[in-house]
Amino acid sequence: MLKYLHTMIRVSDPDATMRFFELIGLKETRRFSSEQGRFTLIYLAAPGQEEAEVELTYNWPAEDGSQEEYTGGRNFGHLAFAVDDIYETCQRLMDAGIAINRPPRDGHMAFVRTPDGISIELLQGAGRLEPAEPWVSMPNVGTW
């Protein structure tokens, strides 16, 4: 038997990362903190898909106050989510100050990044939407 459980990503700012994933539509399903281990685990899932979670791992600052830094997602590829309306989702993210790194020019696929640089692929859930402005003319920004 093989059953997918979750994907873990390390985060430096749990609140900012939670806000990011809430904009996509994920909800917190559970949380666990370890005083001894100095970490917090926050589990998120799409409504109705609680068996496939994203685990946010926050390692608390060291006793001296130093904080771990995560660059490039530690060679992590990306997480992918199907959305009901890719244009509405990207607009909601943009309105919240999130850069759309690869706009959904084709009405089907876009890429954004979490506050820690993890690449997120957004896919139109039910076929492609007709190409529309401003997305068709929007250039790529940064990397994804």
N, C-alpha and C. Protein backbone atom coordinates (compact mmCIF):
# COMPACT_ATOMS: atom_id res chain seq x y z
N MET A 1 0.84 -1.19 0.00
CA MET A 1 0.00 0.00 0.00
C MET A 1 0.88 1.24 0.00
N LEU A 2 0.51 2.21 -0.76
CA LEU A 2 1.20 3.48 -0.79
C LEU A 2 0.14 4.57 -0.73
N LYS A 3 0.32 5.50 0.18
CA LYS A 3 -0.65 6.58 0.34
C LYS A 3 0.10 7.89 0.52
N TYR A 4 -0.18 8.85 -0.31
CA TYR A 4 0.43 10.17 -0.18
C TYR A 4 -0.07 10.82 1.10
N LEU A 5 0.85 11.38 1.90
CA LEU A 5 0.46 12.02 3.15
C LEU A 5 0.59 13.54 3.09
N HIS A 6 1.81 14.04 2.84
CA HIS A 6 1.98 15.49 2.80
C HIS A 6 3.30 15.87 2.14
N THR A 7 3.42 17.13 1.82
CA THR A 7 4.67 17.72 1.35
C THR A 7 5.09 18.73 2.39
N MET A 8 6.38 18.71 2.79
CA MET A 8 6.86 19.63 3.81
C MET A 8 7.71 20.71 3.16
N ILE A 9 7.45 21.95 3.55
CA ILE A 9 8.33 23.05 3.17
C ILE A 9 8.69 23.82 4.42
N ARG A 10 9.94 24.28 4.48
CA ARG A 10 10.40 25.07 5.61
C ARG A 10 10.05 26.53 5.36
N VAL A 11 9.62 27.20 6.41
CA VAL A 11 9.22 28.60 6.28
C VAL A 11 9.91 29.45 7.33
N SER A 12 10.19 30.69 6.97
CA SER A 12 10.83 31.61 7.92
C SER A 12 9.82 32.54 8.58
N ASP A 13 8.65 32.69 7.98
CA ASP A 13 7.61 33.55 8.54
C ASP A 13 6.27 32.83 8.39
N PRO A 14 5.87 32.06 9.42
CA PRO A 14 4.64 31.27 9.30
C PRO A 14 3.40 32.11 9.00
N ASP A 15 3.30 33.29 9.59
CA ASP A 15 2.11 34.11 9.36
C ASP A 15 2.02 34.56 7.91
N ALA A 16 3.14 35.02 7.33
CA ALA A 16 3.13 35.45 5.93
C ALA A 16 2.84 34.27 5.01
N THR A 17 3.40 33.11 5.32
CA THR A 17 3.17 31.94 4.48
C THR A 17 1.73 31.46 4.60
N MET A 18 1.16 31.51 5.81
CA MET A 18 -0.25 31.14 5.99
C MET A 18 -1.14 32.07 5.16
N ARG A 19 -0.89 33.37 5.22
CA ARG A 19 -1.69 34.32 4.44
C ARG A 19 -1.61 33.99 2.95
N PHE A 20 -0.40 33.67 2.47
CA PHE A 20 -0.20 33.31 1.07
C PHE A 20 -1.07 32.11 0.69
N PHE A 21 -0.97 31.02 1.45
CA PHE A 21 -1.73 29.82 1.11
C PHE A 21 -3.23 30.01 1.30
N GLU A 22 -3.65 30.84 2.24
CA GLU A 22 -5.07 31.13 2.41
C GLU A 22 -5.61 31.86 1.19
N LEU A 23 -4.79 32.71 0.55
CA LEU A 23 -5.23 33.40 -0.66
C LEU A 23 -5.49 32.41 -1.79
N ILE A 24 -4.73 31.32 -1.82
CA ILE A 24 -4.96 30.29 -2.83
C ILE A 24 -6.21 29.48 -2.48
N GLY A 25 -6.52 29.33 -1.19
CA GLY A 25 -7.70 28.60 -0.78
C GLY A 25 -7.44 27.47 0.20
N LEU A 26 -6.17 27.27 0.63
CA LEU A 26 -5.88 26.24 1.61
C LEU A 26 -6.28 26.71 3.00
N LYS A 27 -6.63 25.76 3.84
CA LYS A 27 -7.04 26.04 5.22
C LYS A 27 -6.18 25.21 6.17
N GLU A 28 -5.94 25.77 7.35
CA GLU A 28 -5.20 25.03 8.36
C GLU A 28 -6.04 23.87 8.86
N THR A 29 -5.42 22.67 8.91
CA THR A 29 -6.13 21.49 9.39
C THR A 29 -5.69 21.11 10.80
N ARG A 30 -4.44 21.39 11.13
CA ARG A 30 -3.93 21.10 12.47
C ARG A 30 -2.58 21.78 12.65
N ARG A 31 -2.15 21.83 13.92
CA ARG A 31 -0.90 22.51 14.27
C ARG A 31 -0.29 21.80 15.47
N PHE A 32 1.04 21.72 15.46
CA PHE A 32 1.76 21.09 16.56
C PHE A 32 3.03 21.89 16.82
N SER A 33 3.28 22.25 18.08
CA SER A 33 4.50 22.94 18.46
C SER A 33 5.25 22.11 19.50
N SER A 34 6.58 22.15 19.38
CA SER A 34 7.43 21.45 20.33
C SER A 34 8.37 22.46 20.97
N GLU A 35 8.14 22.72 22.25
CA GLU A 35 9.01 23.62 23.01
C GLU A 35 10.43 23.04 23.05
N GLN A 36 10.53 21.74 23.33
CA GLN A 36 11.83 21.09 23.42
C GLN A 36 12.56 21.09 22.08
N GLY A 37 11.85 20.77 21.01
CA GLY A 37 12.46 20.73 19.68
C GLY A 37 12.57 22.09 19.01
N ARG A 38 11.88 23.10 19.58
CA ARG A 38 11.91 24.47 19.07
C ARG A 38 11.43 24.56 17.62
N PHE A 39 10.25 23.96 17.38
CA PHE A 39 9.67 24.05 16.04
C PHE A 39 8.15 24.03 16.13
N THR A 40 7.52 24.49 15.06
CA THR A 40 6.07 24.43 14.91
C THR A 40 5.77 23.82 13.55
N LEU A 41 4.83 22.89 13.53
CA LEU A 41 4.34 22.28 12.29
C LEU A 41 2.91 22.75 12.08
N ILE A 42 2.63 23.27 10.89
CA ILE A 42 1.28 23.73 10.54
C ILE A 42 0.87 22.95 9.29
N TYR A 43 -0.26 22.27 9.36
CA TYR A 43 -0.73 21.48 8.24
C TYR A 43 -1.88 22.21 7.55
N LEU A 44 -1.83 22.24 6.21
CA LEU A 44 -2.84 22.91 5.41
C LEU A 44 -3.36 21.93 4.36
N ALA A 45 -4.61 22.15 3.95
CA ALA A 45 -5.18 21.32 2.88
C ALA A 45 -6.29 22.10 2.19
N ALA A 46 -6.57 21.69 0.98
CA ALA A 46 -7.72 22.24 0.26
C ALA A 46 -8.98 21.66 0.89
N PRO A 47 -10.04 22.45 1.01
CA PRO A 47 -11.28 21.93 1.59
C PRO A 47 -11.73 20.65 0.86
N GLY A 48 -12.04 19.63 1.65
CA GLY A 48 -12.48 18.36 1.10
C GLY A 48 -11.34 17.45 0.68
N GLN A 49 -10.10 17.91 0.81
CA GLN A 49 -8.95 17.10 0.43
C GLN A 49 -7.95 17.03 1.58
N GLU A 50 -8.45 16.89 2.77
CA GLU A 50 -7.62 16.91 3.97
C GLU A 50 -6.59 15.78 4.02
N GLU A 51 -6.76 14.75 3.20
CA GLU A 51 -5.80 13.66 3.21
C GLU A 51 -4.52 14.01 2.45
N ALA A 52 -4.50 15.09 1.72
CA ALA A 52 -3.31 15.53 0.97
C ALA A 52 -2.91 16.91 1.49
N GLU A 53 -1.97 16.91 2.44
CA GLU A 53 -1.64 18.16 3.14
C GLU A 53 -0.29 18.74 2.71
N VAL A 54 -0.17 20.02 2.99
CA VAL A 54 1.11 20.72 2.92
C VAL A 54 1.50 20.98 4.37
N GLU A 55 2.70 20.57 4.74
CA GLU A 55 3.20 20.81 6.09
C GLU A 55 4.18 21.97 6.06
N LEU A 56 3.87 23.02 6.80
CA LEU A 56 4.79 24.14 6.96
C LEU A 56 5.61 23.88 8.21
N THR A 57 6.92 23.85 8.08
CA THR A 57 7.80 23.63 9.23
C THR A 57 8.49 24.94 9.55
N TYR A 58 8.24 25.42 10.75
CA TYR A 58 8.88 26.65 11.23
C TYR A 58 9.85 26.28 12.34
N ASN A 59 11.13 26.45 12.08
CA ASN A 59 12.15 26.23 13.10
C ASN A 59 12.36 27.54 13.84
N TRP A 60 12.12 27.53 15.13
CA TRP A 60 12.20 28.75 15.92
C TRP A 60 13.62 29.31 15.89
N PRO A 61 13.75 30.61 16.12
CA PRO A 61 15.10 31.19 16.19
C PRO A 61 15.92 30.50 17.28
N ALA A 62 17.24 30.45 17.05
CA ALA A 62 18.15 29.86 18.03
C ALA A 62 18.17 30.70 19.29
N GLU A 63 18.71 30.15 20.34
CA GLU A 63 18.79 30.87 21.63
C GLU A 63 19.47 32.23 21.47
N ASP A 64 20.44 32.31 20.53
CA ASP A 64 21.15 33.58 20.31
C ASP A 64 20.37 34.54 19.41
N GLY A 65 19.17 34.13 18.98
CA GLY A 65 18.32 34.98 18.15
C GLY A 65 18.52 34.81 16.66
N SER A 66 19.50 34.02 16.24
CA SER A 66 19.72 33.83 14.81
C SER A 66 18.61 32.95 14.22
N GLN A 67 18.24 33.26 12.99
CA GLN A 67 17.15 32.59 12.31
C GLN A 67 17.69 31.88 11.07
N GLU A 68 17.21 30.67 10.80
CA GLU A 68 17.60 29.97 9.58
C GLU A 68 17.09 30.76 8.37
N GLU A 69 17.86 30.72 7.28
CA GLU A 69 17.45 31.35 6.03
C GLU A 69 17.26 30.28 4.98
N TYR A 70 16.23 30.41 4.18
CA TYR A 70 15.96 29.44 3.13
C TYR A 70 15.99 30.17 1.80
N THR A 71 16.87 29.75 0.91
CA THR A 71 16.97 30.36 -0.41
C THR A 71 16.74 29.29 -1.46
N GLY A 72 15.99 29.65 -2.47
CA GLY A 72 15.77 28.73 -3.57
C GLY A 72 14.96 27.51 -3.23
N GLY A 73 14.32 27.49 -2.08
CA GLY A 73 13.49 26.35 -1.72
C GLY A 73 14.28 25.07 -1.52
N ARG A 74 15.59 25.18 -1.24
CA ARG A 74 16.45 24.01 -1.04
C ARG A 74 16.28 22.99 -2.17
N ASN A 75 16.34 23.48 -3.39
CA ASN A 75 16.22 22.66 -4.60
C ASN A 75 14.87 21.97 -4.74
N PHE A 76 13.87 22.46 -4.04
CA PHE A 76 12.52 21.93 -4.17
C PHE A 76 11.95 22.41 -5.49
N GLY A 77 11.25 21.56 -6.24
CA GLY A 77 10.68 21.94 -7.52
C GLY A 77 9.50 22.89 -7.36
N HIS A 78 8.30 22.36 -7.20
CA HIS A 78 7.13 23.20 -6.97
C HIS A 78 5.98 22.36 -6.46
N LEU A 79 5.01 23.05 -5.87
CA LEU A 79 3.72 22.45 -5.52
C LEU A 79 2.74 22.88 -6.61
N ALA A 80 1.79 22.04 -6.95
CA ALA A 80 0.81 22.37 -7.97
C ALA A 80 -0.60 22.25 -7.40
N PHE A 81 -1.43 23.23 -7.75
CA PHE A 81 -2.82 23.25 -7.29
C PHE A 81 -3.73 23.57 -8.47
N ALA A 82 -4.82 22.84 -8.58
CA ALA A 82 -5.86 23.19 -9.55
C ALA A 82 -6.77 24.21 -8.89
N VAL A 83 -7.18 25.22 -9.66
CA VAL A 83 -8.07 26.26 -9.15
C VAL A 83 -9.30 26.37 -10.05
N ASP A 84 -10.39 26.89 -9.49
CA ASP A 84 -11.63 27.02 -10.25
C ASP A 84 -11.53 28.06 -11.36
N ASP A 85 -10.85 29.18 -11.08
CA ASP A 85 -10.73 30.27 -12.05
C ASP A 85 -9.33 30.86 -11.90
N ILE A 86 -8.45 30.52 -12.82
CA ILE A 86 -7.05 30.94 -12.71
C ILE A 86 -6.91 32.46 -12.78
N TYR A 87 -7.76 33.12 -13.56
CA TYR A 87 -7.68 34.58 -13.66
C TYR A 87 -8.08 35.22 -12.33
N GLU A 88 -9.15 34.75 -11.73
CA GLU A 88 -9.60 35.30 -10.45
C GLU A 88 -8.56 35.04 -9.37
N THR A 89 -7.99 33.84 -9.36
CA THR A 89 -6.98 33.50 -8.35
C THR A 89 -5.76 34.39 -8.50
N CYS A 90 -5.27 34.55 -9.72
CA CYS A 90 -4.09 35.40 -9.94
C CYS A 90 -4.39 36.86 -9.59
N GLN A 91 -5.59 37.33 -9.90
CA GLN A 91 -5.95 38.71 -9.55
C GLN A 91 -5.97 38.89 -8.04
N ARG A 92 -6.53 37.92 -7.33
CA ARG A 92 -6.58 37.98 -5.86
C ARG A 92 -5.17 38.02 -5.28
N LEU A 93 -4.28 37.21 -5.82
CA LEU A 93 -2.89 37.21 -5.36
C LEU A 93 -2.21 38.54 -5.67
N MET A 94 -2.40 39.05 -6.88
CA MET A 94 -1.81 40.34 -7.25
C MET A 94 -2.32 41.46 -6.36
N ASP A 95 -3.63 41.46 -6.09
CA ASP A 95 -4.23 42.49 -5.24
C ASP A 95 -3.64 42.45 -3.83
N ALA A 96 -3.12 41.29 -3.43
CA ALA A 96 -2.51 41.14 -2.11
C ALA A 96 -0.99 41.40 -2.16
N GLY A 97 -0.49 41.83 -3.33
CA GLY A 97 0.92 42.17 -3.45
C GLY A 97 1.83 41.01 -3.86
N ILE A 98 1.25 39.90 -4.30
CA ILE A 98 2.04 38.75 -4.74
C ILE A 98 2.35 38.90 -6.23
N ALA A 99 3.62 38.76 -6.59
CA ALA A 99 4.03 38.84 -8.00
C ALA A 99 3.58 37.57 -8.72
N ILE A 100 3.05 37.75 -9.91
CA ILE A 100 2.71 36.61 -10.77
C ILE A 100 3.94 36.40 -11.66
N ASN A 101 4.77 35.42 -11.32
CA ASN A 101 6.03 35.22 -12.03
C ASN A 101 5.83 34.75 -13.46
N ARG A 102 4.90 33.86 -13.66
CA ARG A 102 4.54 33.40 -15.00
C ARG A 102 3.03 33.56 -15.10
N PRO A 103 2.56 34.63 -15.78
CA PRO A 103 1.12 34.88 -15.88
C PRO A 103 0.39 33.79 -16.67
N PRO A 104 -0.91 33.66 -16.45
CA PRO A 104 -1.69 32.64 -17.16
C PRO A 104 -2.09 33.10 -18.57
N ARG A 105 -1.09 33.38 -19.40
CA ARG A 105 -1.36 33.88 -20.75
C ARG A 105 -2.19 32.90 -21.57
N ASP A 106 -2.05 31.61 -21.29
CA ASP A 106 -2.74 30.57 -22.04
C ASP A 106 -4.10 30.20 -21.42
N GLY A 107 -4.49 30.90 -20.33
CA GLY A 107 -5.75 30.56 -19.67
C GLY A 107 -5.68 29.25 -18.91
N HIS A 108 -4.47 28.75 -18.70
CA HIS A 108 -4.34 27.42 -18.10
C HIS A 108 -3.34 27.35 -16.95
N MET A 109 -2.18 28.01 -17.07
CA MET A 109 -1.10 27.81 -16.10
C MET A 109 -0.45 29.13 -15.70
N ALA A 110 -0.14 29.22 -14.38
CA ALA A 110 0.60 30.37 -13.85
C ALA A 110 1.54 29.86 -12.77
N PHE A 111 2.57 30.66 -12.48
CA PHE A 111 3.49 30.35 -11.39
C PHE A 111 3.64 31.57 -10.50
N VAL A 112 3.65 31.33 -9.18
CA VAL A 112 3.90 32.35 -8.17
C VAL A 112 4.88 31.74 -7.18
N ARG A 113 5.33 32.55 -6.22
CA ARG A 113 6.26 32.05 -5.20
C ARG A 113 5.74 32.42 -3.81
N THR A 114 6.01 31.53 -2.85
CA THR A 114 5.68 31.81 -1.46
C THR A 114 6.65 32.86 -0.92
N PRO A 115 6.39 33.39 0.28
CA PRO A 115 7.34 34.34 0.86
C PRO A 115 8.75 33.78 1.01
N ASP A 116 8.92 32.45 1.04
CA ASP A 116 10.25 31.85 1.15
C ASP A 116 10.78 31.36 -0.19
N GLY A 117 10.13 31.75 -1.28
CA GLY A 117 10.65 31.41 -2.61
C GLY A 117 10.26 30.05 -3.15
N ILE A 118 9.32 29.36 -2.52
CA ILE A 118 8.86 28.07 -3.04
C ILE A 118 7.95 28.34 -4.23
N SER A 119 8.24 27.67 -5.34
CA SER A 119 7.47 27.86 -6.55
C SER A 119 6.13 27.12 -6.46
N ILE A 120 5.07 27.83 -6.82
CA ILE A 120 3.71 27.27 -6.80
C ILE A 120 3.14 27.35 -8.21
N GLU A 121 2.75 26.20 -8.75
CA GLU A 121 2.11 26.15 -10.06
C GLU A 121 0.60 26.16 -9.85
N LEU A 122 -0.08 27.06 -10.53
CA LEU A 122 -1.54 27.11 -10.50
C LEU A 122 -2.05 26.67 -11.86
N LEU A 123 -2.97 25.70 -11.87
CA LEU A 123 -3.52 25.18 -13.11
C LEU A 123 -5.03 25.36 -13.13
N GLN A 124 -5.56 25.77 -14.26
CA GLN A 124 -7.00 25.91 -14.42
C GLN A 124 -7.62 24.53 -14.29
N GLY A 125 -8.55 24.37 -13.34
CA GLY A 125 -9.09 23.06 -13.02
C GLY A 125 -9.96 22.42 -14.07
N ALA A 126 -10.74 23.19 -14.77
CA ALA A 126 -11.69 22.62 -15.73
C ALA A 126 -11.37 23.14 -17.13
N GLY A 127 -10.36 22.58 -17.76
CA GLY A 127 -9.99 23.02 -19.10
C GLY A 127 -9.34 24.39 -19.09
N ARG A 128 -9.10 24.92 -20.26
CA ARG A 128 -8.48 26.23 -20.40
C ARG A 128 -9.54 27.31 -20.52
N LEU A 129 -9.23 28.47 -19.95
CA LEU A 129 -10.06 29.64 -20.17
C LEU A 129 -9.58 30.32 -21.45
N GLU A 130 -10.44 31.09 -22.08
CA GLU A 130 -10.02 31.85 -23.25
C GLU A 130 -8.95 32.84 -22.84
N PRO A 131 -7.88 32.98 -23.63
CA PRO A 131 -6.87 34.00 -23.32
C PRO A 131 -7.52 35.37 -23.17
N ALA A 132 -7.09 36.12 -22.16
CA ALA A 132 -7.71 37.41 -21.87
C ALA A 132 -6.67 38.37 -21.31
N GLU A 133 -6.92 39.65 -21.51
CA GLU A 133 -6.09 40.70 -20.92
C GLU A 133 -6.49 40.88 -19.47
N PRO A 134 -5.59 41.31 -18.61
CA PRO A 134 -4.24 41.78 -18.91
C PRO A 134 -3.23 40.65 -19.02
N TRP A 135 -3.67 39.42 -18.83
CA TRP A 135 -2.78 38.27 -18.73
C TRP A 135 -2.02 37.99 -20.02
N VAL A 136 -2.68 38.11 -21.16
CA VAL A 136 -2.05 37.79 -22.45
C VAL A 136 -0.80 38.64 -22.67
N SER A 137 -0.85 39.92 -22.30
CA SER A 137 0.26 40.85 -22.55
C SER A 137 1.25 40.95 -21.39
N MET A 138 0.97 40.29 -20.29
CA MET A 138 1.81 40.42 -19.09
C MET A 138 3.10 39.61 -19.24
N PRO A 139 4.25 40.24 -19.02
CA PRO A 139 5.51 39.52 -19.13
C PRO A 139 5.80 38.65 -17.90
N ASN A 140 6.71 37.72 -18.07
CA ASN A 140 7.22 36.95 -16.93
C ASN A 140 8.00 37.88 -16.02
N VAL A 141 8.00 37.57 -14.74
CA VAL A 141 8.74 38.35 -13.75
C VAL A 141 9.59 37.40 -12.92
N GLY A 142 10.88 37.64 -12.85
CA GLY A 142 11.75 36.79 -12.05
C GLY A 142 11.80 35.38 -12.57
N THR A 143 11.96 34.45 -11.66
CA THR A 143 12.02 33.03 -12.03
C THR A 143 10.94 32.28 -11.29
N TRP A 144 10.67 31.09 -11.76
CA TRP A 144 9.72 30.26 -11.06
C TRP A 144 10.20 28.84 -11.04
